[in-house]
Amino acid sequence: MGRAYRLVLEAGAVIAALILGAMALAVTVDVLARNLGLGTVPWVMEVSEYCLPLATFLVAPWLLHRNEHVRLDMLLRGLPPAAARALDLTANLVGLAISVVLVVYGIRTVLDSARQGSMVIKTVVFPEWWLYSPVAVCFGLLAIEFVRRLAGRSAPALGTNPQA
């Protein structure tokens, strides 16, 4: 199970990297076309607005698993060990609570949007629930990672990288 879990996290990171690479390429092509007087690619800006948060959601669980997320190591290192552990525990509990709330609301939003048949109608047209589904999935993975950290399975010693 641990291997499958890691593969899911790694797949999210790879997909995020591919999305960002494709987005950079598409924006470059759009800028070149515009500057060469060839017109614009009308969907590029709109799709890039959707890609940035999607890539962020997809890579976040992988970063947390690797302990490469934003963290105030200097603060933790400046505290006595017991206080640093208590602060780290508190941060993981808060992260878990926020993740669970966002999973619940994400699922509700996806179901409501799908039930209503809401559509995003701009240059690109698609069901609105597509925008919300990554929220529920990725915060679900974050919740799992916070549980793993709280159980001591993933949280490394302060200031270290578990992959090093």
Protein backbone atom coordinates (compact mmCIF):
# COMPACT_ATOMS: atom_id res chain seq x y z
CA MET A 1 0.00 0.00 0.00
CA GLY A 2 2.84 2.40 0.78
CA ARG A 3 4.30 1.96 -2.71
CA ALA A 4 0.93 2.62 -4.41
CA TYR A 5 0.45 5.71 -2.23
CA ARG A 6 3.88 7.06 -3.19
CA LEU A 7 3.15 6.37 -6.86
CA VAL A 8 -0.07 8.41 -6.61
CA LEU A 9 1.83 11.31 -5.02
CA GLU A 10 4.60 11.08 -7.62
CA ALA A 11 2.04 10.92 -10.45
CA GLY A 12 0.50 14.16 -9.16
CA ALA A 13 3.92 15.82 -9.16
CA VAL A 14 4.75 14.57 -12.66
CA ILE A 15 1.38 15.70 -14.03
CA ALA A 16 1.87 19.11 -12.38
CA ALA A 17 5.30 19.44 -14.01
CA LEU A 18 3.88 18.45 -17.41
CA ILE A 19 1.03 20.94 -17.02
CA LEU A 20 3.44 23.76 -16.15
CA GLY A 21 5.75 22.83 -19.03
CA ALA A 22 2.88 22.71 -21.53
CA MET A 23 1.54 25.99 -20.19
CA ALA A 24 4.95 27.67 -20.57
CA LEU A 25 5.21 26.37 -24.12
CA ALA A 26 1.67 27.51 -25.01
CA VAL A 27 2.24 31.00 -23.59
CA THR A 28 5.54 31.25 -25.47
CA VAL A 29 3.85 30.24 -28.74
CA ASP A 30 1.07 32.78 -28.10
CA VAL A 31 3.55 35.60 -27.42
CA LEU A 32 5.63 34.71 -30.50
CA ALA A 33 2.53 34.53 -32.71
CA ARG A 34 1.36 37.90 -31.43
CA ASN A 35 4.75 39.54 -31.94
CA LEU A 36 5.09 38.09 -35.45
CA GLY A 37 1.67 39.47 -36.38
CA LEU A 38 0.10 36.03 -36.69
CA GLY A 39 -2.68 36.76 -34.20
CA THR A 40 -3.23 35.08 -30.86
CA VAL A 41 -4.17 31.68 -29.56
CA PRO A 42 -7.42 32.69 -27.83
CA TRP A 43 -7.61 29.91 -25.26
CA VAL A 44 -4.04 30.14 -23.89
CA MET A 45 -4.61 32.76 -21.19
CA GLU A 46 -7.84 31.14 -20.02
CA VAL A 47 -6.34 27.66 -19.84
CA SER A 48 -3.26 28.99 -18.02
CA GLU A 49 -5.58 30.48 -15.37
CA TYR A 50 -6.93 26.99 -14.73
CA CYS A 51 -3.55 25.26 -14.95
CA LEU A 52 -1.73 27.21 -12.24
CA PRO A 53 -4.03 26.25 -9.35
CA LEU A 54 -4.40 22.71 -10.74
CA ALA A 55 -0.63 22.20 -10.77
CA THR A 56 -0.42 23.62 -7.24
CA PHE A 57 -3.08 21.22 -5.98
CA LEU A 58 -1.47 18.24 -7.70
CA VAL A 59 2.06 18.83 -6.39
CA ALA A 60 1.15 19.84 -2.79
CA PRO A 61 0.72 16.30 -1.35
CA TRP A 62 4.03 15.18 -2.88
CA LEU A 63 5.83 18.21 -1.44
CA LEU A 64 4.34 17.62 2.01
CA HIS A 65 5.32 13.95 1.86
CA ARG A 66 8.90 14.91 1.02
CA ASN A 67 8.90 17.65 3.68
CA GLU A 68 9.66 20.22 0.99
CA HIS A 69 6.66 22.42 1.74
CA VAL A 70 6.89 25.92 3.19
CA ARG A 71 7.90 25.62 6.82
CA LEU A 72 9.49 27.89 9.39
CA ASP A 73 12.52 25.76 10.25
CA MET A 74 14.36 28.69 11.81
CA LEU A 75 11.54 29.15 14.31
CA LEU A 76 11.44 25.43 15.10
CA ARG A 77 15.22 25.26 15.51
CA GLY A 78 15.17 28.26 17.86
CA LEU A 79 12.69 26.63 20.22
CA PRO A 80 13.48 24.05 22.87
CA PRO A 81 12.95 20.52 21.46
CA ALA A 82 9.72 19.93 23.40
CA ALA A 83 8.24 23.25 22.23
CA ALA A 84 9.32 22.57 18.63
CA ARG A 85 7.62 19.15 18.72
CA ALA A 86 4.47 20.71 20.20
CA LEU A 87 4.41 23.41 17.50
CA ASP A 88 5.00 20.82 14.77
CA LEU A 89 2.18 18.67 16.20
CA THR A 90 -0.12 21.68 16.32
CA ALA A 91 0.71 22.62 12.71
CA ASN A 92 -0.03 19.07 11.56
CA LEU A 93 -3.34 19.00 13.46
CA VAL A 94 -4.37 22.35 11.97
CA GLY A 95 -3.32 21.15 8.51
CA LEU A 96 -5.37 17.98 8.95
CA ALA A 97 -8.43 19.91 10.12
CA ILE A 98 -8.24 22.38 7.24
CA SER A 99 -7.72 19.56 4.74
CA VAL A 100 -10.73 17.61 6.02
CA VAL A 101 -12.95 20.70 5.87
CA LEU A 102 -11.83 21.40 2.30
CA VAL A 103 -12.42 17.77 1.29
CA VAL A 104 -15.98 17.91 2.66
CA TYR A 105 -16.77 21.24 1.01
CA GLY A 106 -14.98 20.19 -2.17
CA ILE A 107 -17.10 17.05 -2.46
CA ARG A 108 -20.28 19.02 -1.76
CA THR A 109 -19.35 21.60 -4.39
CA VAL A 110 -18.55 18.94 -7.01
CA LEU A 111 -21.83 17.12 -6.35
CA ASP A 112 -23.89 20.33 -6.38
CA SER A 113 -22.28 21.54 -9.58
CA ALA A 114 -22.73 18.17 -11.31
CA ARG A 115 -26.34 17.90 -10.13
CA GLN A 116 -27.13 21.38 -11.47
CA GLY A 117 -25.33 20.70 -14.74
CA SER A 118 -23.37 23.95 -14.38
CA MET A 119 -21.02 24.76 -17.24
CA VAL A 120 -18.07 27.11 -17.60
CA ILE A 121 -18.74 29.02 -20.79
CA LYS A 122 -15.80 31.07 -21.98
CA THR A 123 -13.43 30.36 -24.83
CA VAL A 124 -13.27 26.77 -23.61
CA VAL A 125 -16.55 25.19 -22.50
CA PHE A 126 -16.62 22.37 -19.92
CA PRO A 127 -18.60 21.17 -16.89
CA GLU A 128 -17.97 23.39 -13.87
CA TRP A 129 -17.42 20.42 -11.52
CA TRP A 130 -14.18 19.70 -13.36
CA LEU A 131 -12.73 22.81 -11.70
CA TYR A 132 -13.64 21.63 -8.21
CA SER A 133 -12.80 17.93 -8.30
CA PRO A 134 -9.01 18.37 -7.87
CA VAL A 135 -9.69 20.28 -4.63
CA ALA A 136 -11.42 17.31 -2.99
CA VAL A 137 -8.90 14.76 -4.27
CA CYS A 138 -5.74 16.70 -3.47
CA PHE A 139 -6.88 17.84 -0.04
CA GLY A 140 -7.83 14.22 0.62
CA LEU A 141 -4.23 13.26 -0.12
CA LEU A 142 -3.01 16.11 2.08
CA ALA A 143 -5.24 14.84 4.91
CA ILE A 144 -3.73 11.36 4.52
CA GLU A 145 -0.25 12.87 4.65
CA PHE A 146 -1.05 14.87 7.79
CA VAL A 147 -2.35 11.67 9.44
CA ARG A 148 0.89 9.91 8.44
CA ARG A 149 2.91 12.76 9.93
CA LEU A 150 0.91 12.66 13.14
CA ALA A 151 1.48 8.90 13.34
CA GLY A 152 5.22 9.53 12.98
CA ARG A 153 5.45 7.73 9.63
CA SER A 154 6.40 10.66 7.47
CA ALA A 155 7.52 13.57 9.63
CA PRO A 156 11.32 13.72 9.57
CA ALA A 157 13.51 15.28 12.20
CA LEU A 158 13.25 19.06 12.16
CA GLY A 159 15.15 20.64 9.30
CA THR A 160 15.90 17.43 7.41
CA ASN A 161 14.70 16.02 4.10
CA PRO A 162 13.40 12.41 4.25
CA GLN A 163 14.58 11.77 0.67
CA ALA A 164 18.18 12.83 1.26
